[in-house]
Amino acid sequence: MRIEIIGQIEKINGKDVSYGDFAERYLAKNQPVVISDFTEDWRAREDWVNENGRPNLHFFATHFGKSRVQVADCDIREYTDQKRLEMSVTEFVEQWTDNSIENKGNSVLYLKDWHFVKEYPDYTAYKTPALFSDDWLNIYLDSYQMHEDRDNFQKYDQISCSDYRFVYMGGKGSWTPLHADVFRSYSWSANVCGKKRWLFLLPSQSHLVYDRYMKNCVYNIFEEVNETKFPGLKKTTWLECIQEPGEIIFVPSGWHHQVYNLEDTISINHNWLNAYNLSWVWDLLWKDYKDTEESIEDIRDICDDFEAICQRNLAANTGMNLNDFFIFMSRFSLGNMVLLQSYSDKHKTLNSCSSAMAKNMLLNLSTIQKIMMMMISAGGITAKEVYLDLQETLDGPQFLRFVRDMGRTYAMIHKEEEDQALSSEELLQKLSSFADPKMQICSPKDLVEMINHHNTFTSYLLP
């Protein structure tokens, strides 16, 4: 079965597009694009690349050799992914070098999902471009854990679920099977060195690469695919891209893609989400929740807490459950409200023309409010003891760091002056303007009402 390639991914110069233009043309429209001229000053492109343009494997073995990493064997399928091995970076480099020199014909290995930034916070390999910095996911995880109940998620160690910033390294011929990204998030991928070939499928055709039960996805679009199991594949049309060294590709939500390294390659990849793709995240979470519930329906009557089991299984399978999502959105909303209050106090205005940064945060709140309304309609939060205590949140050092990171990020994205860092006392003062610090947010309804109250309080500043 041959796939039909109908077009190429657009390429632009990053210096020619503002954040507002990028958000309007690519984030809001969910369109892929390749961007150049963002990586020239990255330390990674100096330290990690030899003069011949190939990976400097000796540098990795010398400086990061003891790190334990996940390595995919590209020649062995294991369930829906490639077989994963764990080894040190030094061991990976040795196997890669041996295979290259001796041409043994061994399996092609591909180091994937290395949480390099978290493991080496003092080594600044790169700077996230402003176009990709409205990153709720990684800003949040820099201050909080995704799973509140750590006892129930022992499989997630401190590094493995700490962020969604990754380094990938693989020789020519290494590849990634067909997939759509975690949480249906956005992703960006920068080639530090080497070339990649990307094949993209429009979200409107995603159902064509699944079986009739929408459970199993095609693994490799270039293999012999069972036409009885996947009859839709022959109807698919694809976009293609050759990504050159130094280029960054933006992968929108819900676009299935398969990727090949055409040369020895190192890449830096982030997954992220924000107001423009939050509905994709919610849709996936709710679908996966209903699938999880259905899969264990036969034990409902004998479980003391069926809902807790559903939430635990959802977190294990998807990486986030409904409770995690609710707490995430509550903290993020609170941070936006505090920053907006600080902005309005300083500038004495919050009108629609006053500030791109203020408009961005107002968009954040309105989007979260819409998603919480969907959650209410779906009956999303029913587990016991899921709430956010405002006083406890404000007293915690994590929230202060979280708000400061948010403020710094939005000021950078929109090239506005950053407000002075807020203290814990100032946070309490800002919050007290529109909410009772003794309040608890116990449900999506509570969060919707709090956002409404905040909007009502600030409405006198709006035109």
Foldseek 3Di string as FASTA:
>chain_A
DDAAADAAAAEDEPVVDALVRCCVPPLQVVGKYKYFDAPPPFQCLVQQADPVQFGPLVSCCVPQQADKFWKFQQVADDVQWGDIDIDTSNVVSVVQVCCVPVVPVGTWMKTKFALVCVVCVPDRRHDDDLSPLLFLQLLLLVQDFLDPPVVLVVVQDCRNRSFFKMKMWTFAFHKTWKDQDFLLFKKKKAWSGAKKKKKKFDLVLQQQQAFPVNPHGDGHLPDDDDCNRRVSSRVTYIYMYIDHHRMMMIRGGRIIMMMGTNGGTMMIMGTGHALSCVVSSLVVQVVLLVVLCVVPVVCVVVDPCSPVVSQSVSCVVRVHHLLSVVVSLLLLLLLLLLVLLVVCVVPVAQEPPPAPLSVRSVSRLVSLLVSLVVCVVVVPDDDPPRKAQQLVLLPDPSSLSSSQSSQVSSCVSRVHDGDDRDDSVSSVVSCVQQDDNRDMGRGSVSSSVSSVSSCVSCVVRYD
